[in-house]
N, C-alpha and C. Protein backbone atom coordinates (compact mmCIF):
# COMPACT_ATOMS: atom_id res chain seq x y z
N UNK A 1 0.85 -1.17 0.00
CA UNK A 1 0.00 0.00 0.00
C UNK A 1 0.90 1.24 0.00
N UNK A 2 0.63 2.17 -0.90
CA UNK A 2 1.48 3.35 -0.98
C UNK A 2 1.10 4.37 0.09
N UNK A 3 1.96 5.36 0.29
CA UNK A 3 1.78 6.34 1.36
C UNK A 3 0.49 7.15 1.19
N UNK A 4 0.15 7.51 -0.05
CA UNK A 4 -1.07 8.29 -0.28
C UNK A 4 -2.31 7.50 0.14
N UNK A 5 -2.36 6.22 -0.20
CA UNK A 5 -3.49 5.38 0.19
C UNK A 5 -3.55 5.24 1.70
N UNK A 6 -2.39 5.01 2.34
CA UNK A 6 -2.36 4.91 3.81
C UNK A 6 -2.87 6.20 4.44
N UNK A 7 -2.47 7.35 3.90
CA UNK A 7 -2.90 8.64 4.43
C UNK A 7 -4.40 8.79 4.31
N UNK A 8 -4.98 8.40 3.16
CA UNK A 8 -6.42 8.50 2.98
C UNK A 8 -7.16 7.60 3.97
N UNK A 9 -6.67 6.39 4.18
CA UNK A 9 -7.29 5.48 5.16
C UNK A 9 -7.19 6.08 6.56
N UNK A 10 -6.03 6.65 6.88
CA UNK A 10 -5.86 7.27 8.20
C UNK A 10 -6.82 8.43 8.40
N UNK A 11 -7.02 9.23 7.37
CA UNK A 11 -7.94 10.37 7.48
C UNK A 11 -9.36 9.87 7.72
N UNK A 12 -9.76 8.82 7.03
CA UNK A 12 -11.09 8.24 7.24
C UNK A 12 -11.24 7.72 8.66
N UNK A 13 -10.15 7.23 9.24
CA UNK A 13 -10.20 6.63 10.56
C UNK A 13 -9.71 7.54 11.67
N UNK A 14 -9.47 8.81 11.35
CA UNK A 14 -9.02 9.80 12.33
C UNK A 14 -7.72 9.37 13.02
N UNK A 15 -6.78 8.86 12.23
CA UNK A 15 -5.46 8.49 12.73
C UNK A 15 -4.45 9.40 12.05
N UNK A 16 -3.48 9.88 12.78
CA UNK A 16 -2.46 10.72 12.17
C UNK A 16 -1.51 9.84 11.36
N UNK A 17 -1.31 10.16 10.05
CA UNK A 17 -0.47 9.30 9.20
C UNK A 17 0.94 9.07 9.72
N UNK A 18 1.50 10.02 10.44
CA UNK A 18 2.87 9.84 10.93
C UNK A 18 2.95 8.70 11.94
N UNK A 19 1.81 8.33 12.52
CA UNK A 19 1.83 7.24 13.50
C UNK A 19 2.14 5.91 12.82
N UNK A 20 2.04 5.85 11.48
CA UNK A 20 2.36 4.61 10.77
C UNK A 20 3.84 4.48 10.48
N UNK A 21 4.60 5.57 10.58
CA UNK A 21 6.01 5.55 10.22
C UNK A 21 6.84 4.70 11.19
N UNK A 22 6.62 4.86 12.47
CA UNK A 22 7.34 4.10 13.48
C UNK A 22 6.32 3.50 14.43
N UNK A 23 5.91 2.25 14.16
CA UNK A 23 4.84 1.66 14.96
C UNK A 23 5.20 1.56 16.44
N UNK A 24 4.29 1.99 17.31
CA UNK A 24 4.53 1.84 18.75
C UNK A 24 4.38 0.37 19.16
N UNK A 25 4.84 0.06 20.35
CA UNK A 25 4.81 -1.33 20.81
C UNK A 25 3.39 -1.89 20.85
N UNK A 26 2.40 -1.07 21.14
CA UNK A 26 1.01 -1.54 21.18
C UNK A 26 0.56 -2.00 19.79
N UNK A 27 0.96 -1.24 18.76
CA UNK A 27 0.62 -1.62 17.39
C UNK A 27 1.32 -2.92 17.02
N UNK A 28 2.57 -3.07 17.43
CA UNK A 28 3.31 -4.30 17.14
C UNK A 28 2.64 -5.50 17.83
N UNK A 29 2.17 -5.32 19.06
CA UNK A 29 1.47 -6.40 19.76
C UNK A 29 0.19 -6.75 19.01
N UNK A 30 -0.53 -5.73 18.55
CA UNK A 30 -1.76 -5.97 17.79
C UNK A 30 -1.46 -6.77 16.52
N UNK A 31 -0.43 -6.38 15.78
CA UNK A 31 -0.07 -7.08 14.56
C UNK A 31 0.32 -8.53 14.85
N UNK A 32 0.98 -8.75 15.95
CA UNK A 32 1.33 -10.11 16.36
C UNK A 32 0.07 -10.93 16.66
N UNK A 33 -0.89 -10.32 17.37
CA UNK A 33 -2.16 -11.00 17.67
C UNK A 33 -2.90 -11.36 16.40
N UNK A 34 -2.96 -10.42 15.46
CA UNK A 34 -3.66 -10.66 14.19
C UNK A 34 -2.98 -11.79 13.42
N UNK A 35 -1.67 -11.75 13.34
CA UNK A 35 -0.93 -12.80 12.63
C UNK A 35 -1.22 -14.17 13.23
N UNK A 36 -1.22 -14.24 14.56
CA UNK A 36 -1.49 -15.51 15.24
C UNK A 36 -2.89 -16.01 14.91
N UNK A 37 -3.88 -15.12 14.96
CA UNK A 37 -5.27 -15.50 14.68
C UNK A 37 -5.41 -15.99 13.24
N UNK A 38 -4.85 -15.25 12.30
CA UNK A 38 -5.00 -15.60 10.89
C UNK A 38 -4.24 -16.88 10.53
N UNK A 39 -3.13 -17.16 11.22
CA UNK A 39 -2.39 -18.39 10.96
C UNK A 39 -3.16 -19.59 11.50
N UNK A 40 -3.80 -19.43 12.66
CA UNK A 40 -4.54 -20.53 13.26
C UNK A 40 -5.75 -20.93 12.43
N UNK A 41 -6.34 -19.99 11.69
CA UNK A 41 -7.54 -20.27 10.93
C UNK A 41 -7.55 -19.41 9.67
N UNK A 42 -7.31 -20.02 8.53
CA UNK A 42 -7.24 -19.28 7.28
C UNK A 42 -8.63 -18.95 6.75
N UNK A 43 -8.79 -17.74 6.18
CA UNK A 43 -10.09 -17.38 5.61
C UNK A 43 -10.39 -18.22 4.37
N UNK A 44 -11.65 -18.35 4.00
CA UNK A 44 -12.00 -19.11 2.80
C UNK A 44 -11.36 -18.48 1.57
N UNK A 45 -10.82 -19.30 0.68
CA UNK A 45 -10.12 -18.80 -0.49
C UNK A 45 -11.04 -18.12 -1.49
N UNK A 46 -12.31 -18.49 -1.51
CA UNK A 46 -13.24 -17.93 -2.49
C UNK A 46 -13.93 -16.65 -2.02
N UNK A 47 -13.54 -16.11 -0.88
CA UNK A 47 -14.16 -14.88 -0.36
C UNK A 47 -13.25 -13.68 -0.58
N UNK A 48 -13.80 -12.60 -1.13
CA UNK A 48 -13.02 -11.38 -1.30
C UNK A 48 -12.80 -10.68 0.04
N UNK A 49 -13.81 -10.76 0.91
CA UNK A 49 -13.70 -10.17 2.24
C UNK A 49 -14.53 -11.03 3.19
N UNK A 50 -14.05 -11.17 4.43
CA UNK A 50 -14.76 -11.96 5.42
C UNK A 50 -14.33 -11.53 6.82
N UNK A 51 -15.06 -12.03 7.81
CA UNK A 51 -14.68 -11.81 9.20
C UNK A 51 -14.64 -13.16 9.90
N UNK A 52 -13.69 -13.30 10.81
CA UNK A 52 -13.62 -14.48 11.66
C UNK A 52 -14.33 -14.13 12.95
N UNK A 53 -15.40 -14.85 13.25
CA UNK A 53 -16.17 -14.64 14.47
C UNK A 53 -15.63 -15.55 15.55
N UNK A 54 -15.26 -14.95 16.69
CA UNK A 54 -14.83 -15.70 17.87
C UNK A 54 -15.76 -15.31 19.00
N UNK A 55 -16.70 -16.22 19.32
CA UNK A 55 -17.68 -15.92 20.37
C UNK A 55 -18.06 -17.21 21.08
N UNK A 56 -18.01 -17.20 22.39
CA UNK A 56 -18.43 -18.35 23.20
C UNK A 56 -17.88 -19.67 22.68
N UNK A 57 -16.59 -19.70 22.39
CA UNK A 57 -15.96 -20.92 21.93
C UNK A 57 -16.15 -21.23 20.46
N UNK A 58 -16.90 -20.39 19.74
CA UNK A 58 -17.14 -20.58 18.31
C UNK A 58 -16.06 -19.83 17.54
N UNK A 59 -15.49 -20.49 16.53
CA UNK A 59 -14.57 -19.85 15.59
C UNK A 59 -15.12 -20.15 14.20
N UNK A 60 -15.68 -19.12 13.54
CA UNK A 60 -16.34 -19.36 12.26
C UNK A 60 -16.08 -18.19 11.31
N UNK A 61 -15.68 -18.50 10.08
CA UNK A 61 -15.49 -17.48 9.05
C UNK A 61 -16.84 -17.15 8.43
N UNK A 62 -17.10 -15.86 8.25
CA UNK A 62 -18.34 -15.40 7.63
C UNK A 62 -17.96 -14.56 6.41
N UNK A 63 -18.43 -14.99 5.23
CA UNK A 63 -18.18 -14.23 4.00
C UNK A 63 -18.99 -12.95 4.03
N UNK A 64 -18.38 -11.86 3.61
CA UNK A 64 -19.10 -10.58 3.55
C UNK A 64 -19.70 -10.39 2.17
N UNK A 65 -20.95 -10.00 2.15
CA UNK A 65 -21.60 -9.61 0.90
C UNK A 65 -21.69 -8.09 0.96
N UNK A 66 -22.73 -7.48 0.46
CA UNK A 66 -22.80 -6.01 0.47
C UNK A 66 -22.99 -5.44 1.87
N UNK A 67 -23.80 -6.12 2.69
CA UNK A 67 -24.07 -5.64 4.04
C UNK A 67 -24.18 -6.84 4.99
N UNK A 68 -23.61 -6.69 6.18
CA UNK A 68 -23.70 -7.71 7.22
C UNK A 68 -24.14 -7.00 8.50
N UNK A 69 -25.27 -7.41 9.06
CA UNK A 69 -25.74 -6.81 10.31
C UNK A 69 -25.45 -7.76 11.46
N UNK A 70 -25.14 -7.18 12.63
CA UNK A 70 -24.75 -7.94 13.81
C UNK A 70 -25.54 -7.44 15.00
N UNK A 71 -26.10 -8.34 15.78
CA UNK A 71 -26.83 -7.94 16.97
C UNK A 71 -27.51 -9.11 17.64
N UNK A 72 -28.34 -8.81 18.64
CA UNK A 72 -29.03 -9.85 19.40
C UNK A 72 -30.38 -10.21 18.80
N UNK A 73 -30.95 -9.34 17.97
CA UNK A 73 -32.27 -9.59 17.37
C UNK A 73 -32.18 -10.65 16.27
N UNK A 74 -33.24 -11.42 16.13
CA UNK A 74 -33.26 -12.54 15.19
C UNK A 74 -33.17 -12.13 13.72
N UNK A 75 -33.45 -10.88 13.39
CA UNK A 75 -33.44 -10.47 11.98
C UNK A 75 -32.06 -9.99 11.50
N UNK A 76 -31.02 -10.13 12.32
CA UNK A 76 -29.66 -9.80 11.91
C UNK A 76 -29.06 -10.94 11.09
N UNK A 77 -28.03 -10.61 10.29
CA UNK A 77 -27.30 -11.65 9.56
C UNK A 77 -26.50 -12.51 10.53
N UNK A 78 -25.91 -11.88 11.54
CA UNK A 78 -25.18 -12.60 12.59
C UNK A 78 -25.89 -12.30 13.90
N UNK A 79 -26.51 -13.32 14.47
CA UNK A 79 -27.25 -13.19 15.73
C UNK A 79 -26.39 -13.78 16.84
N UNK A 80 -26.11 -12.95 17.87
CA UNK A 80 -25.28 -13.40 18.99
C UNK A 80 -26.06 -13.28 20.29
N UNK A 81 -26.02 -14.32 21.09
CA UNK A 81 -26.66 -14.32 22.40
C UNK A 81 -25.66 -13.72 23.39
N UNK A 82 -25.74 -12.40 23.56
CA UNK A 82 -24.77 -11.68 24.38
C UNK A 82 -25.50 -10.54 25.07
N UNK A 83 -25.46 -10.54 26.39
CA UNK A 83 -26.17 -9.52 27.16
C UNK A 83 -25.67 -8.10 26.89
N UNK A 84 -24.46 -7.96 26.34
CA UNK A 84 -23.89 -6.64 26.09
C UNK A 84 -24.20 -6.12 24.69
N UNK A 85 -24.95 -6.89 23.90
CA UNK A 85 -25.30 -6.46 22.54
C UNK A 85 -26.68 -5.85 22.50
N UNK A 86 -26.83 -4.84 21.66
CA UNK A 86 -28.14 -4.29 21.37
C UNK A 86 -28.80 -5.17 20.32
N UNK A 87 -30.10 -4.99 20.15
CA UNK A 87 -30.83 -5.76 19.16
C UNK A 87 -30.21 -5.64 17.77
N UNK A 88 -29.92 -4.42 17.37
CA UNK A 88 -29.26 -4.12 16.10
C UNK A 88 -28.02 -3.31 16.46
N UNK A 89 -26.91 -3.98 16.65
CA UNK A 89 -25.72 -3.38 17.24
C UNK A 89 -24.80 -2.70 16.22
N UNK A 90 -24.49 -3.41 15.13
CA UNK A 90 -23.52 -2.86 14.17
C UNK A 90 -23.78 -3.44 12.79
N UNK A 91 -23.18 -2.79 11.79
CA UNK A 91 -23.22 -3.36 10.44
C UNK A 91 -21.90 -3.09 9.74
N UNK A 92 -21.58 -3.99 8.84
CA UNK A 92 -20.40 -3.84 7.97
C UNK A 92 -20.95 -3.79 6.55
N UNK A 93 -20.57 -2.75 5.81
CA UNK A 93 -21.08 -2.63 4.45
C UNK A 93 -19.99 -2.19 3.49
N UNK A 94 -20.16 -2.62 2.24
CA UNK A 94 -19.22 -2.23 1.18
C UNK A 94 -19.73 -0.94 0.55
N UNK A 95 -18.80 0.02 0.42
CA UNK A 95 -19.12 1.28 -0.24
C UNK A 95 -17.96 1.67 -1.13
N UNK A 96 -18.15 1.65 -2.42
CA UNK A 96 -17.11 2.04 -3.39
C UNK A 96 -15.80 1.27 -3.16
N UNK A 97 -15.91 -0.02 -2.93
CA UNK A 97 -14.73 -0.85 -2.78
C UNK A 97 -14.07 -0.79 -1.41
N UNK A 98 -14.70 -0.09 -0.48
CA UNK A 98 -14.17 0.04 0.89
C UNK A 98 -15.19 -0.56 1.85
N UNK A 99 -14.70 -1.26 2.87
CA UNK A 99 -15.58 -1.87 3.87
C UNK A 99 -15.68 -0.94 5.07
N UNK A 100 -16.92 -0.58 5.43
CA UNK A 100 -17.18 0.36 6.52
C UNK A 100 -17.91 -0.37 7.65
N UNK A 101 -17.39 -0.21 8.88
CA UNK A 101 -18.05 -0.71 10.08
C UNK A 101 -18.79 0.46 10.71
N UNK A 102 -20.04 0.24 11.08
CA UNK A 102 -20.83 1.32 11.68
C UNK A 102 -21.57 0.82 12.92
N UNK A 103 -21.45 1.57 14.01
CA UNK A 103 -22.22 1.31 15.22
C UNK A 103 -23.64 1.84 14.96
N UNK A 104 -24.64 1.02 15.23
CA UNK A 104 -26.03 1.41 14.98
C UNK A 104 -26.68 2.00 16.23
N UNK A 105 -25.97 2.95 16.86
CA UNK A 105 -26.43 3.60 18.10
C UNK A 105 -26.68 2.58 19.20
N UNK A 106 -25.75 1.64 19.33
CA UNK A 106 -25.87 0.60 20.35
C UNK A 106 -25.65 1.20 21.74
N UNK A 107 -26.08 0.48 22.75
CA UNK A 107 -25.91 0.94 24.13
C UNK A 107 -24.46 0.85 24.58
N UNK A 108 -23.78 -0.25 24.27
CA UNK A 108 -22.42 -0.48 24.77
C UNK A 108 -21.31 -0.21 23.77
N UNK A 109 -21.65 0.17 22.55
CA UNK A 109 -20.64 0.54 21.56
C UNK A 109 -19.83 -0.63 21.05
N UNK A 110 -18.78 -0.29 20.31
CA UNK A 110 -17.87 -1.28 19.77
C UNK A 110 -16.49 -0.66 19.65
N UNK A 111 -15.49 -1.51 19.50
CA UNK A 111 -14.12 -0.99 19.35
C UNK A 111 -13.43 -1.75 18.23
N UNK A 112 -12.47 -1.07 17.63
CA UNK A 112 -11.62 -1.66 16.62
C UNK A 112 -10.19 -1.42 17.06
N UNK A 113 -9.44 -2.50 17.17
CA UNK A 113 -8.04 -2.43 17.62
C UNK A 113 -7.92 -1.68 18.94
N UNK A 114 -8.88 -1.96 19.83
CA UNK A 114 -8.92 -1.43 21.20
C UNK A 114 -9.27 0.06 21.29
N UNK A 115 -9.75 0.66 20.19
CA UNK A 115 -10.20 2.05 20.21
C UNK A 115 -11.69 2.08 19.91
N UNK A 116 -12.43 2.78 20.76
CA UNK A 116 -13.88 2.88 20.56
C UNK A 116 -14.17 3.69 19.31
N UNK A 117 -15.09 3.20 18.48
CA UNK A 117 -15.44 3.88 17.23
C UNK A 117 -16.95 3.90 17.03
N UNK A 118 -17.41 4.83 16.21
CA UNK A 118 -18.80 4.84 15.75
C UNK A 118 -18.85 4.36 14.29
N UNK A 119 -17.86 4.81 13.51
CA UNK A 119 -17.73 4.42 12.10
C UNK A 119 -16.25 4.26 11.81
N UNK A 120 -15.90 3.22 11.05
CA UNK A 120 -14.49 3.02 10.73
C UNK A 120 -14.37 2.31 9.38
N UNK A 121 -13.44 2.80 8.59
CA UNK A 121 -13.05 2.14 7.34
C UNK A 121 -12.15 0.97 7.75
N UNK A 122 -12.55 -0.26 7.43
CA UNK A 122 -11.81 -1.44 7.88
C UNK A 122 -10.64 -1.75 6.95
N UNK A 123 -9.56 -2.21 7.53
CA UNK A 123 -8.41 -2.69 6.78
C UNK A 123 -8.10 -4.11 7.25
N UNK A 124 -7.42 -4.86 6.39
CA UNK A 124 -7.09 -6.25 6.68
C UNK A 124 -6.43 -6.37 8.06
N UNK A 125 -6.96 -7.28 8.87
CA UNK A 125 -6.38 -7.53 10.19
C UNK A 125 -7.01 -6.76 11.33
N UNK A 126 -7.95 -5.85 11.03
CA UNK A 126 -8.61 -5.12 12.11
C UNK A 126 -9.32 -6.10 13.04
N UNK A 127 -9.18 -5.87 14.35
CA UNK A 127 -9.85 -6.68 15.35
C UNK A 127 -11.02 -5.87 15.91
N UNK A 128 -12.23 -6.39 15.71
CA UNK A 128 -13.46 -5.71 16.11
C UNK A 128 -13.97 -6.39 17.37
N UNK A 129 -14.23 -5.59 18.41
CA UNK A 129 -14.78 -6.11 19.66
C UNK A 129 -16.21 -5.62 19.79
N UNK A 130 -17.16 -6.56 19.86
CA UNK A 130 -18.58 -6.23 20.04
C UNK A 130 -19.08 -7.07 21.20
N UNK A 131 -19.36 -6.42 22.32
CA UNK A 131 -19.76 -7.17 23.51
C UNK A 131 -18.66 -8.15 23.88
N UNK A 132 -19.01 -9.40 24.11
CA UNK A 132 -18.04 -10.42 24.44
C UNK A 132 -17.50 -11.15 23.22
N UNK A 133 -17.83 -10.66 22.03
CA UNK A 133 -17.41 -11.32 20.79
C UNK A 133 -16.31 -10.54 20.09
N UNK A 134 -15.47 -11.28 19.38
CA UNK A 134 -14.39 -10.68 18.61
C UNK A 134 -14.54 -11.10 17.16
N UNK A 135 -14.33 -10.15 16.26
CA UNK A 135 -14.31 -10.44 14.82
C UNK A 135 -12.99 -9.93 14.27
N UNK A 136 -12.41 -10.70 13.37
CA UNK A 136 -11.17 -10.26 12.70
C UNK A 136 -11.52 -10.07 11.23
N UNK A 137 -11.29 -8.87 10.72
CA UNK A 137 -11.59 -8.55 9.33
C UNK A 137 -10.45 -9.00 8.43
N UNK A 138 -10.77 -9.68 7.34
CA UNK A 138 -9.75 -10.16 6.41
C UNK A 138 -10.15 -9.89 4.98
N UNK A 139 -9.18 -9.42 4.19
CA UNK A 139 -9.37 -9.19 2.76
C UNK A 139 -8.56 -10.21 1.99
N UNK A 140 -9.05 -10.58 0.82
CA UNK A 140 -8.31 -11.49 -0.05
C UNK A 140 -7.05 -10.78 -0.51
N UNK A 141 -5.92 -11.43 -0.43
CA UNK A 141 -4.66 -10.78 -0.84
C UNK A 141 -4.63 -10.46 -2.32
């Protein structure tokens, strides 16, 4: 990824681009965690984008289509039995070739890479925390 693309992604995610030049130890730990997770369970080869769901002992890859909704209500694409989730907690959607995670005004919010967010442009390896569940975002190389 070139510097201009990284800068645009950082602007979308409210990250200062210079923070990518010399990764802090926390970022290095995060990258190590992501590498470990992705090595333990490879994403499906036929998926352009997917998330690995880790919840209550479940490890399952979910292929992303145009929109994926997550919450406790039965009409979501991913339904999780979690007391910390709202009925319609979050959604991941494709917009112009970019995957966007959006909090749907949930009570307890969500975080990506340990930072609380309302909306975030996802990049390969992002770790999404929703209630007691973890999702790892993966793009086809």
